[in-house]
C-alpha atoms as a PDB file:
ATOM      1  CA  MET A   1       6.709  -2.468   7.051  1.00  0.00           C
ATOM      2  CA  GLY A   2       9.102  -3.383   9.833  1.00  0.00           C
ATOM      3  CA  ARG A   3       9.730  -7.167   9.623  1.00  0.00           C
ATOM      4  CA  LEU A   4      13.435  -7.812  10.235  1.00  0.00           C
ATOM      5  CA  LEU A   5      15.177 -11.158   9.844  1.00  0.00           C
ATOM      6  CA  LEU A   6      18.456 -11.282  11.776  1.00  0.00           C
ATOM      7  CA  ILE A   7      20.699 -14.187  10.713  1.00  0.00           C
ATOM      8  CA  THR A   8      23.371 -14.977  13.288  1.00  0.00           C
ATOM      9  CA  ASP A   9      26.069 -17.332  14.453  1.00  0.00           C
ATOM     10  CA  ASP A  10      25.479 -16.268  18.085  1.00  0.00           C
ATOM     11  CA  LEU A  11      21.839 -16.289  19.257  1.00  0.00           C
ATOM     12  CA  THR A  12      22.642 -14.586  22.557  1.00  0.00           C
ATOM     13  CA  ARG A  13      24.465 -11.642  20.975  1.00  0.00           C
ATOM     14  CA  THR A  14      21.900 -11.083  18.244  1.00  0.00           C
ATOM     15  CA  GLY A  15      19.042 -11.547  20.700  1.00  0.00           C
ATOM     16  CA  ARG A  16      20.372  -8.551  22.639  1.00  0.00           C
ATOM     17  CA  LEU A  17      20.563  -6.590  19.391  1.00  0.00           C
ATOM     18  CA  ALA A  18      16.958  -7.447  18.516  1.00  0.00           C
ATOM     19  CA  ARG A  19      15.750  -6.284  21.936  1.00  0.00           C
ATOM     20  CA  SER A  20      17.699  -3.041  21.652  1.00  0.00           C
ATOM     21  CA  LEU A  21      15.962  -2.205  18.360  1.00  0.00           C
ATOM     22  CA  GLY A  22      12.741  -1.653  20.299  1.00  0.00           C
ATOM     23  CA  PRO A  23       9.287  -3.264  20.532  1.00  0.00           C
ATOM     24  CA  THR A  24       7.870  -1.615  17.398  1.00  0.00           C
ATOM     25  CA  ARG A  25      10.167  -3.597  15.096  1.00  0.00           C
ATOM     26  CA  HIS A  26       9.132  -7.161  14.377  1.00  0.00           C
ATOM     27  CA  CYS A  27      12.444  -9.013  14.673  1.00  0.00           C
ATOM     28  CA  THR A  28      13.019 -12.700  13.986  1.00  0.00           C
ATOM     29  CA  VAL A  29      16.403 -14.120  14.987  1.00  0.00           C
ATOM     30  CA  HIS A  30      17.456 -17.114  12.892  1.00  0.00           C
ATOM     31  CA  ASP A  31      20.405 -19.391  13.636  1.00  0.00           C
ATOM     32  CA  LEU A  32      22.699 -19.591  10.601  1.00  0.00           C
ATOM     33  CA  TYR A  33      23.431 -23.231  11.441  1.00  0.00           C
ATOM     34  CA  ASP A  34      19.767 -24.223  11.694  1.00  0.00           C
ATOM     35  CA  ASP A  35      18.946 -26.102   8.494  1.00  0.00           C
ATOM     36  CA  ALA A  36      15.313 -24.943   8.592  1.00  0.00           C
ATOM     37  CA  GLU A  37      14.475 -22.111   6.200  1.00  0.00           C
ATOM     38  CA  PRO A  38      13.098 -18.809   7.582  1.00  0.00           C
ATOM     39  CA  SER A  39       9.303 -19.081   7.521  1.00  0.00           C
ATOM     40  CA  ASP A  40       8.304 -15.520   6.556  1.00  0.00           C
ATOM     41  CA  GLN A  41       9.469 -13.083   3.902  1.00  0.00           C
ATOM     42  CA  PRO A  42      11.160 -10.148   5.710  1.00  0.00           C
ATOM     43  CA  ASP A  43      11.280  -6.487   4.723  1.00  0.00           C
ATOM     44  CA  LEU A  44      14.985  -6.362   5.626  1.00  0.00           C
ATOM     45  CA  ILE A  45      17.648  -9.014   6.265  1.00  0.00           C
ATOM     46  CA  VAL A  46      20.442  -8.276   8.752  1.00  0.00           C
ATOM     47  CA  GLY A  47      23.482 -10.545   8.733  1.00  0.00           C
ATOM     48  CA  ASP A  48      25.130 -10.578  12.170  1.00  0.00           C
ATOM     49  CA  VAL A  49      27.783 -13.247  11.613  1.00  0.00           C
ATOM     50  CA  ALA A  50      31.094 -12.757  13.424  1.00  0.00           C
ATOM     51  CA  ARG A  51      32.979 -15.770  11.968  1.00  0.00           C
ATOM     52  CA  LEU A  52      32.492 -15.632   8.218  1.00  0.00           C
ATOM     53  CA  SER A  53      34.111 -18.983   7.413  1.00  0.00           C
ATOM     54  CA  SER A  54      33.676 -20.722   4.064  1.00  0.00           C
ATOM     55  CA  GLU A  55      30.871 -22.849   5.520  1.00  0.00           C
ATOM     56  CA  ALA A  56      29.159 -19.756   6.989  1.00  0.00           C
ATOM     57  CA  THR A  57      29.439 -17.984   3.630  1.00  0.00           C
ATOM     58  CA  GLN A  58      27.902 -20.939   1.772  1.00  0.00           C
ATOM     59  CA  ARG A  59      25.067 -21.207   4.277  1.00  0.00           C
ATOM     60  CA  LEU A  60      24.365 -17.486   4.078  1.00  0.00           C
ATOM     61  CA  ARG A  61      24.274 -17.515   0.282  1.00  0.00           C
ATOM     62  CA  ARG A  62      21.889 -20.475   0.257  1.00  0.00           C
ATOM     63  CA  MET A  63      19.616 -18.837   2.833  1.00  0.00           C
ATOM     64  CA  LEU A  64      19.685 -15.391   1.228  1.00  0.00           C
ATOM     65  CA  GLU A  65      18.929 -16.401  -2.361  1.00  0.00           C
ATOM     66  CA  PRO A  66      15.128 -16.864  -2.129  1.00  0.00           C
ATOM     67  CA  LEU A  67      14.723 -13.971   0.298  1.00  0.00           C
ATOM     68  CA  ARG A  68      16.642 -11.488  -1.852  1.00  0.00           C
ATOM     69  CA  ASP A  69      14.926 -12.674  -5.027  1.00  0.00           C
ATOM     70  CA  ALA A  70      11.719 -11.416  -3.394  1.00  0.00           C
ATOM     71  CA  GLY A  71      13.227  -7.920  -3.075  1.00  0.00           C
ATOM     72  CA  ALA A  72      14.445  -7.714   0.538  1.00  0.00           C
ATOM     73  CA  PRO A  73      17.589  -5.560   1.053  1.00  0.00           C
ATOM     74  CA  PHE A  74      20.487  -7.075   2.997  1.00  0.00           C
ATOM     75  CA  LEU A  75      22.510  -5.249   5.667  1.00  0.00           C
ATOM     76  CA  PHE A  76      25.665  -7.002   6.884  1.00  0.00           C
ATOM     77  CA  LEU A  77      27.232  -6.178  10.263  1.00  0.00           C
ATOM     78  CA  THR A  78      30.997  -6.687  10.367  1.00  0.00           C
ATOM     79  CA  HIS A  79      32.991  -7.850  13.401  1.00  0.00           C
ATOM     80  CA  GLY A  80      36.701  -7.693  14.229  1.00  0.00           C
ATOM     81  CA  ASN A  81      39.224  -6.408  11.677  1.00  0.00           C
ATOM     82  CA  ALA A  82      37.164  -3.908   9.692  1.00  0.00           C
ATOM     83  CA  ALA A  83      39.011  -4.121   6.353  1.00  0.00           C
ATOM     84  CA  ARG A  84      39.153  -7.925   6.271  1.00  0.00           C
ATOM     85  CA  ALA A  85      35.569  -8.356   7.480  1.00  0.00           C
ATOM     86  CA  GLU A  86      34.275  -5.894   4.906  1.00  0.00           C
ATOM     87  CA  SER A  87      36.128  -7.580   2.035  1.00  0.00           C
ATOM     88  CA  GLN A  88      34.632 -10.933   3.071  1.00  0.00           C
ATOM     89  CA  ALA A  89      31.188  -9.397   3.372  1.00  0.00           C
ATOM     90  CA  ARG A  90      31.409  -7.874  -0.117  1.00  0.00           C
ATOM     91  CA  LEU A  91      31.441 -11.397  -1.562  1.00  0.00           C
ATOM     92  CA  LEU A  92      27.842 -11.781  -0.359  1.00  0.00           C
ATOM     93  CA  GLY A  93      26.670  -8.737  -2.325  1.00  0.00           C
ATOM     94  CA  PRO A  94      25.039  -6.869   0.579  1.00  0.00           C
ATOM     95  CA  THR A  95      22.949  -3.762   0.032  1.00  0.00           C
ATOM     96  CA  ASP A  96      24.963  -2.069   2.773  1.00  0.00           C
ATOM     97  CA  ILE A  97      27.679  -2.843   5.334  1.00  0.00           C
ATOM     98  CA  LEU A  98      27.994  -1.424   8.838  1.00  0.00           C
ATOM     99  CA  PRO A  99      30.419  -2.220  11.694  1.00  0.00           C
ATOM    100  CA  ALA A 100      28.650  -4.109  14.472  1.00  0.00           C
ATOM    101  CA  VAL A 101      30.178  -1.723  17.019  1.00  0.00           C
ATOM    102  CA  SER A 102      28.273   1.219  15.510  1.00  0.00           C
ATOM    103  CA  VAL A 103      26.210   3.148  17.974  1.00  0.00           C
ATOM    104  CA  LEU A 104      22.596   2.053  18.064  1.00  0.00           C
ATOM    105  CA  GLU A 105      21.291   5.338  16.637  1.00  0.00           C
ATOM    106  CA  ARG A 106      23.419   4.919  13.512  1.00  0.00           C
ATOM    107  CA  LEU A 107      22.263   1.328  13.089  1.00  0.00           C
ATOM    108  CA  LEU A 108      18.608   2.299  13.445  1.00  0.00           C
ATOM    109  CA  ASP A 109      19.019   5.047  10.863  1.00  0.00           C
ATOM    110  CA  ARG A 110      20.627   2.628   8.394  1.00  0.00           C
ATOM    111  CA  ILE A 111      17.856   0.066   8.962  1.00  0.00           C
ATOM    112  CA  ASP A 112      15.181   2.706   8.373  1.00  0.00           C
ATOM    113  CA  ARG A 113      16.770   3.816   5.112  1.00  0.00           C
ATOM    114  CA  LEU A 114      17.143   0.261   3.820  1.00  0.00           C
ATOM    115  CA  GLN A 115      13.566  -0.579   4.755  1.00  0.00           C
ATOM    116  CA  GLU A 116      12.460   2.474   2.801  1.00  0.00           C
ATOM    117  CA  VAL A 117      14.208   1.051  -0.258  1.00  0.00           C
ATOM    118  CA  GLY A 118      12.810  -2.419   0.336  1.00  0.00           C
ATOM    119  CA  GLY A 119       9.272  -1.131   0.816  1.00  0.00           C
ATOM    120  CA  SER A 120       9.441   0.873  -2.381  1.00  0.00           C
ATOM    121  CA  VAL A 121      10.652  -2.107  -4.426  1.00  0.00           C
ATOM    122  CA  ALA A 122       8.062  -4.471  -2.958  1.00  0.00           C
ATOM    123  CA  ALA A 123       5.232  -1.996  -3.469  1.00  0.00           C
ATOM    124  CA  ALA A 124       6.201  -1.482  -7.117  1.00  0.00           C
ATOM    125  CA  ARG A 125       6.183  -5.231  -7.718  1.00  0.00           C
ATOM    126  CA  MET A 126       2.798  -5.718  -6.040  1.00  0.00           C
ATOM    127  CA  ALA A 127       1.303  -2.701  -7.806  1.00  0.00           C
ATOM    128  CA  ASP A 128       2.316  -4.199 -11.159  1.00  0.00           C
ATOM    129  CA  GLU A 129       0.603  -7.459 -10.172  1.00  0.00           C
ATOM    130  CA  ALA A 130      -2.542  -5.530  -9.239  1.00  0.00           C
ATOM    131  CA  ARG A 131      -2.493  -3.642 -12.546  1.00  0.00           C
ATOM    132  CA  GLN A 132      -2.296  -6.939 -14.439  1.00  0.00           C
ATOM    133  CA  PHE A 133      -5.216  -8.207 -12.353  1.00  0.00           C
ATOM    134  CA  PHE A 134      -7.257  -5.143 -13.365  1.00  0.00           C
ATOM    135  CA  ASP A 135      -6.476  -5.745 -17.039  1.00  0.00           C
ATOM    136  CA  LEU A 136      -7.555  -9.371 -16.869  1.00  0.00           C
ATOM    137  CA  THR A 137     -10.594  -8.887 -14.654  1.00  0.00           C
ATOM    138  CA  PHE A 138     -12.086  -5.451 -15.317  1.00  0.00           C
ATOM    139  CA  PHE A 139     -10.865  -4.484 -18.790  1.00  0.00           C
ATOM    140  CA  SER A 140     -11.082  -7.804 -20.627  1.00  0.00           C
ATOM    141  CA  GLY A 141     -14.830  -7.672 -21.200  1.00  0.00           C
ATOM    142  CA  GLN A 142     -15.514 -10.715 -19.039  1.00  0.00           C
ATOM    143  CA  THR A 143     -18.116 -10.732 -16.281  1.00  0.00           C
ATOM    144  CA  VAL A 144     -16.851  -9.373 -12.961  1.00  0.00           C
ATOM    145  CA  THR A 145     -17.681 -11.898 -10.230  1.00  0.00           C
ATOM    146  CA  PRO A 146     -17.466 -11.767  -6.426  1.00  0.00           C
ATOM    147  CA  GLN A 147     -14.731 -14.403  -6.600  1.00  0.00           C
ATOM    148  CA  CYS A 148     -12.578 -12.261  -8.917  1.00  0.00           C
ATOM    149  CA  ALA A 149     -13.153  -9.221  -6.714  1.00  0.00           C
ATOM    150  CA  SER A 150     -12.038 -11.226  -3.679  1.00  0.00           C
ATOM    151  CA  VAL A 151      -8.726 -12.072  -5.380  1.00  0.00           C
ATOM    152  CA  GLY A 152      -8.020  -8.400  -6.085  1.00  0.00           C
ATOM    153  CA  THR A 153      -9.092  -7.348  -2.599  1.00  0.00           C
ATOM    154  CA  GLY A 154      -6.685  -9.779  -0.970  1.00  0.00           C
ATOM    155  CA  LEU A 155      -3.825  -8.774  -3.260  1.00  0.00           C
ATOM    156  CA  ILE A 156      -4.089  -5.058  -2.487  1.00  0.00           C
ATOM    157  CA  ALA A 157      -4.829  -5.506   1.214  1.00  0.00           C
ATOM    158  CA  ARG A 158      -1.663  -7.614   1.599  1.00  0.00           C
ATOM    159  CA  ALA A 159       0.391  -5.084  -0.343  1.00  0.00           C
ATOM    160  CA  VAL A 160      -0.674  -2.184   1.888  1.00  0.00           C
ATOM    161  CA  GLN A 161      -0.168  -4.250   5.034  1.00  0.00           C
ATOM    162  CA  GLN A 162       3.351  -5.291   4.010  1.00  0.00           C
ATOM    163  CA  CYS A 163       4.587  -2.102   2.338  1.00  0.00           C
ATOM    164  CA  GLY A 164       2.547   0.676   3.958  1.00  0.00           C
ATOM    165  CA  VAL A 165       0.135   3.091   2.316  1.00  0.00           C
ATOM    166  CA  ARG A 166       2.828   5.637   1.418  1.00  0.00           C
ATOM    167  CA  HIS A 167       4.838   3.154  -0.657  1.00  0.00           C
ATOM    168  CA  TRP A 168       1.650   1.830  -2.256  1.00  0.00           C
ATOM    169  CA  ILE A 169       0.469   5.301  -3.288  1.00  0.00           C
ATOM    170  CA  ARG A 170       3.892   6.230  -4.669  1.00  0.00           C
ATOM    171  CA  ALA A 171       4.043   3.001  -6.693  1.00  0.00           C
ATOM    172  CA  VAL A 172       0.562   3.415  -8.158  1.00  0.00           C
ATOM    173  CA  GLN A 173       1.000   7.120  -8.950  1.00  0.00           C
ATOM    174  CA  ARG A 174       3.568   6.278 -11.631  1.00  0.00           C
ATOM    175  CA  PHE A 175       0.995   4.430 -13.762  1.00  0.00           C
ATOM    176  CA  ASP A 176      -0.118   6.135 -16.961  1.00  0.00           C
ATOM    177  CA  GLU A 177      -3.578   4.544 -17.255  1.00  0.00           C
ATOM    178  CA  ALA A 178      -5.820   6.941 -15.337  1.00  0.00           C
ATOM    179  CA  THR A 179      -8.561   4.451 -14.446  1.00  0.00           C
ATOM    180  CA  HIS A 180      -6.151   1.736 -13.284  1.00  0.00           C
ATOM    181  CA  ARG A 181      -4.209   4.280 -11.259  1.00  0.00           C
ATOM    182  CA  HIS A 182      -7.266   5.740  -9.575  1.00  0.00           C
ATOM    183  CA  CYS A 183      -8.907   2.416  -8.686  1.00  0.00           C
ATOM    184  CA  LEU A 184      -5.702   0.934  -7.279  1.00  0.00           C
ATOM    185  CA  LEU A 185      -4.990   4.155  -5.406  1.00  0.00           C
ATOM    186  CA  VAL A 186      -8.442   4.328  -3.795  1.00  0.00           C
ATOM    187  CA  THR A 187      -8.404   0.628  -2.903  1.00  0.00           C
ATOM    188  CA  GLY A 188      -5.054   0.967  -1.143  1.00  0.00           C
ATOM    189  CA  ILE A 189      -6.237   4.063   0.712  1.00  0.00           C
ATOM    190  CA  ALA A 190      -9.358   2.191   1.817  1.00  0.00           C
ATOM    191  CA  ALA A 191      -7.273  -0.722   3.103  1.00  0.00           C
ATOM    192  CA  ALA A 192      -5.157   1.711   5.145  1.00  0.00           C
ATOM    193  CA  PHE A 193      -8.297   3.518   6.375  1.00  0.00           C
ATOM    194  CA  ALA A 194      -9.764   0.230   7.601  1.00  0.00           C
ATOM    195  CA  THR A 195      -6.595  -0.441   9.594  1.00  0.00           C
ATOM    196  CA  LYS A 196      -6.561   3.046  11.130  1.00  0.00           C
ATOM    197  CA  LEU A 197     -10.219   2.654  12.089  1.00  0.00           C
ATOM    198  CA  GLY A 198      -9.360  -0.575  13.911  1.00  0.00           C
ATOM    199  CA  PHE A 199     -11.728  -2.632  11.791  1.00  0.00           C
ATOM    200  CA  ALA A 200     -11.884  -6.375  12.323  1.00  0.00           C
ATOM    201  CA  ASP A 201     -10.669  -8.461   9.374  1.00  0.00           C
ATOM    202  CA  LEU A 202     -14.140  -8.931   7.895  1.00  0.00           C
ATOM    203  CA  ASP A 203     -15.070  -5.237   8.088  1.00  0.00           C
ATOM    204  CA  GLY A 204     -11.696  -4.216   6.653  1.00  0.00           C
ATOM    205  CA  TYR A 205     -12.182  -6.685   3.808  1.00  0.00           C
ATOM    206  CA  ARG A 206     -15.637  -5.251   3.058  1.00  0.00           C
ATOM    207  CA  LEU A 207     -14.309  -1.698   2.833  1.00  0.00           C
ATOM    208  CA  THR A 208     -11.348  -2.681   0.667  1.00  0.00           C
ATOM    209  CA  LYS A 209     -13.535  -4.741  -1.664  1.00  0.00           C
ATOM    210  CA  ALA A 210     -16.085  -1.929  -1.971  1.00  0.00           C
ATOM    211  CA  ALA A 211     -13.295   0.479  -2.955  1.00  0.00           C
ATOM    212  CA  LEU A 212     -11.960  -2.011  -5.507  1.00  0.00           C
ATOM    213  CA  LEU A 213     -15.381  -2.145  -7.204  1.00  0.00           C
ATOM    214  CA  HIS A 214     -16.475   1.477  -6.849  1.00  0.00           C
ATOM    215  CA  ASP A 215     -15.495   2.675 -10.347  1.00  0.00           C
ATOM    216  CA  VAL A 216     -16.143  -0.523 -12.295  1.00  0.00           C
ATOM    217  CA  GLY A 217     -18.640   1.378 -14.463  1.00  0.00           C
ATOM    218  CA  LYS A 218     -15.792   3.399 -15.986  1.00  0.00           C
ATOM    219  CA  THR A 219     -14.897   0.326 -18.032  1.00  0.00           C
ATOM    220  CA  ARG A 220     -18.046   1.148 -20.055  1.00  0.00           C
ATOM    221  CA  ILE A 221     -17.033   4.764 -20.699  1.00  0.00           C
ATOM    222  CA  SER A 222     -15.288   5.682 -23.958  1.00  0.00           C
ATOM    223  CA  PRO A 223     -11.465   5.723 -23.622  1.00  0.00           C
ATOM    224  CA  ALA A 224     -11.517   9.068 -25.445  1.00  0.00           C
ATOM    225  CA  ILE A 225     -13.314  10.546 -22.442  1.00  0.00           C
ATOM    226  CA  LEU A 226     -11.493   8.539 -19.768  1.00  0.00           C
ATOM    227  CA  ASN A 227      -8.056   9.435 -21.110  1.00  0.00           C
ATOM    228  CA  LYS A 228      -8.725  12.919 -22.431  1.00  0.00           C
ATOM    229  CA  PRO A 229      -5.602  15.091 -21.863  1.00  0.00           C
ATOM    230  CA  GLY A 230      -7.510  18.012 -20.393  1.00  0.00           C
ATOM    231  CA  ARG A 231     -10.709  19.055 -18.658  1.00  0.00           C
ATOM    232  CA  LEU A 232     -13.935  17.434 -19.822  1.00  0.00           C
ATOM    233  CA  THR A 233     -16.614  19.508 -21.529  1.00  0.00           C
ATOM    234  CA  ASP A 234     -20.072  19.665 -19.946  1.00  0.00           C
ATOM    235  CA  ALA A 235     -21.305  17.041 -22.412  1.00  0.00           C
ATOM    236  CA  GLU A 236     -18.356  14.754 -21.664  1.00  0.00           C
ATOM    237  CA  MET A 237     -18.821  15.208 -17.929  1.00  0.00           C
ATOM    238  CA  LYS A 238     -22.463  14.187 -18.314  1.00  0.00           C
ATOM    239  CA  VAL A 239     -21.317  10.954 -19.958  1.00  0.00           C
ATOM    240  CA  MET A 240     -18.651  10.389 -17.294  1.00  0.00           C
ATOM    241  CA  ARG A 241     -21.240  10.726 -14.550  1.00  0.00           C
ATOM    242  CA  THR A 242     -23.136   7.755 -15.935  1.00  0.00           C
ATOM    243  CA  HIS A 243     -20.394   5.427 -14.688  1.00  0.00           C
ATOM    244  CA  ALA A 244     -21.982   4.963 -11.253  1.00  0.00           C
ATOM    245  CA  ALA A 245     -25.280   3.698 -12.666  1.00  0.00           C
ATOM    246  CA  LEU A 246     -23.463   1.714 -15.373  1.00  0.00           C
ATOM    247  CA  GLY A 247     -21.365  -0.054 -12.756  1.00  0.00           C
ATOM    248  CA  TYR A 248     -24.450  -0.912 -10.748  1.00  0.00           C
ATOM    249  CA  ASP A 249     -26.138  -2.365 -13.833  1.00  0.00           C
ATOM    250  CA  MET A 250     -23.016  -4.416 -14.613  1.00  0.00           C
ATOM    251  CA  LEU A 251     -22.938  -6.072 -11.183  1.00  0.00           C
ATOM    252  CA  VAL A 252     -26.572  -6.222 -10.106  1.00  0.00           C
ATOM    253  CA  ASP A 253     -27.166  -9.796 -11.303  1.00  0.00           C
ATOM    254  CA  SER A 254     -23.655 -11.140 -10.714  1.00  0.00           C
ATOM    255  CA  GLY A 255     -23.974 -12.264  -7.098  1.00  0.00           C
ATOM    256  CA  PHE A 256     -22.733  -9.150  -5.302  1.00  0.00           C
ATOM    257  CA  SER A 257     -24.254  -8.109  -1.981  1.00  0.00           C
ATOM    258  CA  ARG A 258     -26.636  -5.168  -1.717  1.00  0.00           C
ATOM    259  CA  GLU A 259     -24.052  -3.122   0.206  1.00  0.00           C
ATOM    260  CA  MET A 260     -21.435  -3.580  -2.535  1.00  0.00           C
ATOM    261  CA  LEU A 261     -23.944  -2.591  -5.198  1.00  0.00           C
ATOM    262  CA  GLN A 262     -24.891   0.528  -3.246  1.00  0.00           C
ATOM    263  CA  VAL A 263     -21.253   1.631  -3.013  1.00  0.00           C
ATOM    264  CA  VAL A 264     -20.857   1.238  -6.785  1.00  0.00           C
ATOM    265  CA  ARG A 265     -24.008   3.257  -7.461  1.00  0.00           C
ATOM    266  CA  SER A 266     -23.817   5.844  -4.672  1.00  0.00           C
ATOM    267  CA  HIS A 267     -20.146   6.712  -4.068  1.00  0.00           C
ATOM    268  CA  HIS A 268     -20.711  10.182  -5.603  1.00  0.00           C
ATOM    269  CA  GLU A 269     -23.725  10.983  -3.410  1.00  0.00           C
ATOM    270  CA  MET A 270     -23.314  13.789  -0.864  1.00  0.00           C
ATOM    271  CA  LEU A 271     -24.948  14.156   2.543  1.00  0.00           C
ATOM    272  CA  ASP A 272     -26.615  17.429   1.517  1.00  0.00           C
ATOM    273  CA  GLY A 273     -28.289  15.877  -1.539  1.00  0.00           C
ATOM    274  CA  SER A 274     -25.969  17.535  -4.085  1.00  0.00           C
ATOM    275  CA  GLY A 275     -24.450  14.300  -5.403  1.00  0.00           C
ATOM    276  CA  TYR A 276     -25.416  11.887  -8.172  1.00  0.00           C
ATOM    277  CA  PRO A 277     -27.003   9.803  -9.676  1.00  0.00           C
ATOM    278  CA  ASP A 278     -29.954   9.759  -7.263  1.00  0.00           C
ATOM    279  CA  GLY A 279     -29.537  12.914  -5.170  1.00  0.00           C
ATOM    280  CA  LEU A 280     -29.560  10.932  -1.920  1.00  0.00           C
ATOM    281  CA  ARG A 281     -29.345  12.706   1.417  1.00  0.00           C
ATOM    282  CA  ALA A 282     -27.634  11.767   4.688  1.00  0.00           C
ATOM    283  CA  PRO A 283     -30.174   9.272   6.099  1.00  0.00           C
ATOM    284  CA  GLU A 284     -30.109   7.347   2.813  1.00  0.00           C
ATOM    285  CA  ILE A 285     -26.318   7.005   2.571  1.00  0.00           C
ATOM    286  CA  PRO A 286     -24.856   4.119   4.623  1.00  0.00           C
ATOM    287  CA  ASP A 287     -21.500   4.265   6.360  1.00  0.00           C
ATOM    288  CA  LEU A 288     -19.733   1.999   3.850  1.00  0.00           C
ATOM    289  CA  VAL A 289     -20.606   4.407   1.030  1.00  0.00           C
ATOM    290  CA  ARG A 290     -19.472   7.392   3.119  1.00  0.00           C
ATOM    291  CA  LEU A 291     -16.122   5.717   3.803  1.00  0.00           C
ATOM    292  CA  VAL A 292     -15.450   4.905   0.148  1.00  0.00           C
ATOM    293  CA  THR A 293     -16.478   8.423  -0.917  1.00  0.00           C
ATOM    294  CA  ILE A 294     -13.812   9.966   1.330  1.00  0.00           C
ATOM    295  CA  CYS A 295     -11.158   7.579  -0.034  1.00  0.00           C
ATOM    296  CA  ASP A 296     -12.321   8.306  -3.600  1.00  0.00           C
ATOM    297  CA  ILE A 297     -12.120  12.084  -3.252  1.00  0.00           C
ATOM    298  CA  TYR A 298      -8.771  11.997  -1.454  1.00  0.00           C
ATOM    299  CA  GLY A 299      -7.347   9.675  -4.106  1.00  0.00           C
ATOM    300  CA  ALA A 300      -8.518  11.994  -6.894  1.00  0.00           C
ATOM    301  CA  LEU A 301      -6.959  15.016  -5.206  1.00  0.00           C
ATOM    302  CA  ILE A 302      -3.494  13.474  -4.794  1.00  0.00           C
ATOM    303  CA  GLU A 303      -3.471  12.190  -8.386  1.00  0.00           C
ATOM    304  CA  GLN A 304      -1.723  13.825 -11.304  1.00  0.00           C
ATOM    305  CA  ARG A 305      -4.296  15.227 -13.728  1.00  0.00           C
ATOM    306  CA  PRO A 306      -3.608  16.666 -17.207  1.00  0.00           C
ATOM    307  CA  TYR A 307      -4.816  20.073 -16.050  1.00  0.00           C
ATOM    308  CA  ARG A 308      -3.191  20.181 -12.581  1.00  0.00           C
ATOM    309  CA  PRO A 309      -0.358  18.648 -10.536  1.00  0.00           C
ATOM    310  CA  PRO A 310      -1.168  16.291  -7.649  1.00  0.00           C
ATOM    311  CA  LEU A 311      -1.940  17.911  -4.324  1.00  0.00           C
ATOM    312  CA  SER A 312       0.095  17.079  -1.248  1.00  0.00           C
ATOM    313  CA  GLY A 313      -1.528  14.837   1.319  1.00  0.00           C
ATOM    314  CA  GLY A 314      -2.065  17.737   3.690  1.00  0.00           C
ATOM    315  CA  ALA A 315      -3.597  20.004   1.044  1.00  0.00           C
ATOM    316  CA  ALA A 316      -5.945  17.218  -0.072  1.00  0.00           C
ATOM    317  CA  TYR A 317      -6.996  16.602   3.528  1.00  0.00           C
ATOM    318  CA  ASN A 318      -7.766  20.292   4.029  1.00  0.00           C
ATOM    319  CA  ILE A 319     -10.150  20.102   1.066  1.00  0.00           C
ATOM    320  CA  LEU A 320     -11.887  17.138   2.695  1.00  0.00           C
ATOM    321  CA  ARG A 321     -12.340  19.254   5.821  1.00  0.00           C
ATOM    322  CA  LEU A 322     -13.830  22.085   3.755  1.00  0.00           C
ATOM    323  CA  MET A 323     -16.387  19.572   2.471  1.00  0.00           C
ATOM    324  CA  ALA A 324     -17.855  19.002   5.949  1.00  0.00           C
ATOM    325  CA  GLY A 325     -21.608  18.919   5.569  1.00  0.00           C
ATOM    326  CA  ARG A 326     -21.311  17.181   2.242  1.00  0.00           C
ATOM    327  CA  LEU A 327     -19.017  14.493   3.708  1.00  0.00           C
ATOM    328  CA  ASP A 328     -19.254  12.874   7.148  1.00  0.00           C
ATOM    329  CA  THR A 329     -17.261  15.087   9.561  1.00  0.00           C
ATOM    330  CA  ASP A 330     -16.522  12.258  12.008  1.00  0.00           C
ATOM    331  CA  LEU A 331     -15.109  10.113   9.218  1.00  0.00           C
ATOM    332  CA  ILE A 332     -13.009  13.006   7.902  1.00  0.00           C
ATOM    333  CA  ASP A 333     -11.482  13.315  11.391  1.00  0.00           C
ATOM    334  CA  ALA A 334     -10.911   9.549  11.487  1.00  0.00           C
ATOM    335  CA  PHE A 335      -9.126   9.741   8.126  1.00  0.00           C
ATOM    336  CA  HIS A 336      -6.400  12.040   9.471  1.00  0.00           C
ATOM    337  CA  PRO A 337      -3.973   9.201  10.448  1.00  0.00           C
ATOM    338  CA  VAL A 338      -4.107   7.888   6.863  1.00  0.00           C
ATOM    339  CA  MET A 339      -3.072  11.297   5.570  1.00  0.00           C
ATOM    340  CA  VAL A 340      -0.211  11.457   8.076  1.00  0.00           C
ATOM    341  CA  ALA A 341       0.992   7.966   7.089  1.00  0.00           C
ATOM    342  CA  PHE A 342       1.073   9.007   3.428  1.00  0.00           C
ATOM    343  CA  ASP A 343       2.378  12.539   3.893  1.00  0.00           C
ATOM    344  CA  PRO A 344       4.150  12.791   7.276  1.00  0.00           C
ATOM    345  CA  PRO A 345       4.853  16.319   8.494  1.00  0.00           C
ATOM    346  CA  LEU A 346       8.350  17.743   8.129  1.00  0.00           C
ATOM    347  CA  PRO A 347      10.410  17.662  11.343  1.00  0.00           C
ATOM    348  CA  GLU A 348      10.406  20.879  13.289  1.00  0.00           C
ATOM    349  CA  VAL A 349      13.567  22.974  13.044  1.00  0.00           C
ATOM    350  CA  ALA A 350      15.084  23.695  16.452  1.00  0.00           C
END
């Protein structure tokens, strides 16, 4: 999140505004009278047009239409006579209107709130696309290929990059299908984890793709068990635990790399040998598996389950910390920024 498009009839004035918003906001200033279309889809559009003539209004409408169709909110800054400027601005259907003379703090607050709305809308749209991808690729009975997995990996990685992990998690948590919800949740968390770890593009892609595939074996488990509205019996849990080996068997001859196959088979293994299906111990569990396991457990803890409400991000992270010795302690520490991004602490009361 944070890409602002400022449309202006005065490049100098709006350039000063862009600089005053600070270096952490990615601002693009676009001349209203430049016939070229803005090149990138923004998270928020700011109209800073002082002379809202009929030509300016027509140009703005033409420029805004494709950008707003994609879900970006639109903040218009009024100049001069407040009542007249606001009535003119209303014709453009802005999400919000603010006088250009507002103090910077007020403007920043309004931008933050509109970006929150825009991020939520965009994440919901992308999450729906990802759910449809899961239906067509994983739940249609067709063979899962590396090429299909690459499409899903790119889709979710872009969504998390554009909307942020918090918006992605909130969007996915509203899904009813437990398996879809969990897989999309864990994949988004893994994409955010890769970013926080500072992974290069290729390494981040590997982690995100591994998370996308990790529970593919659940497509071979009975829906009566997958969607049971309550805790599983011991017998049902025994069946559920076959999903790791089932997923491995599904993919083993489909062109996937050895490291992807090991994540699918071993993401429930624990460093102390208490996991399944093979009872592996620390030296036998590679880093990629350890990373996905942390994302998998965290995702499960913050999910709604029939027998318990979702845990907060902080409570889920504390459980990860209590699992030190079974999970990699260094990676648990490295995961902390992901938790904060999803569940930021409340501001301190003075």
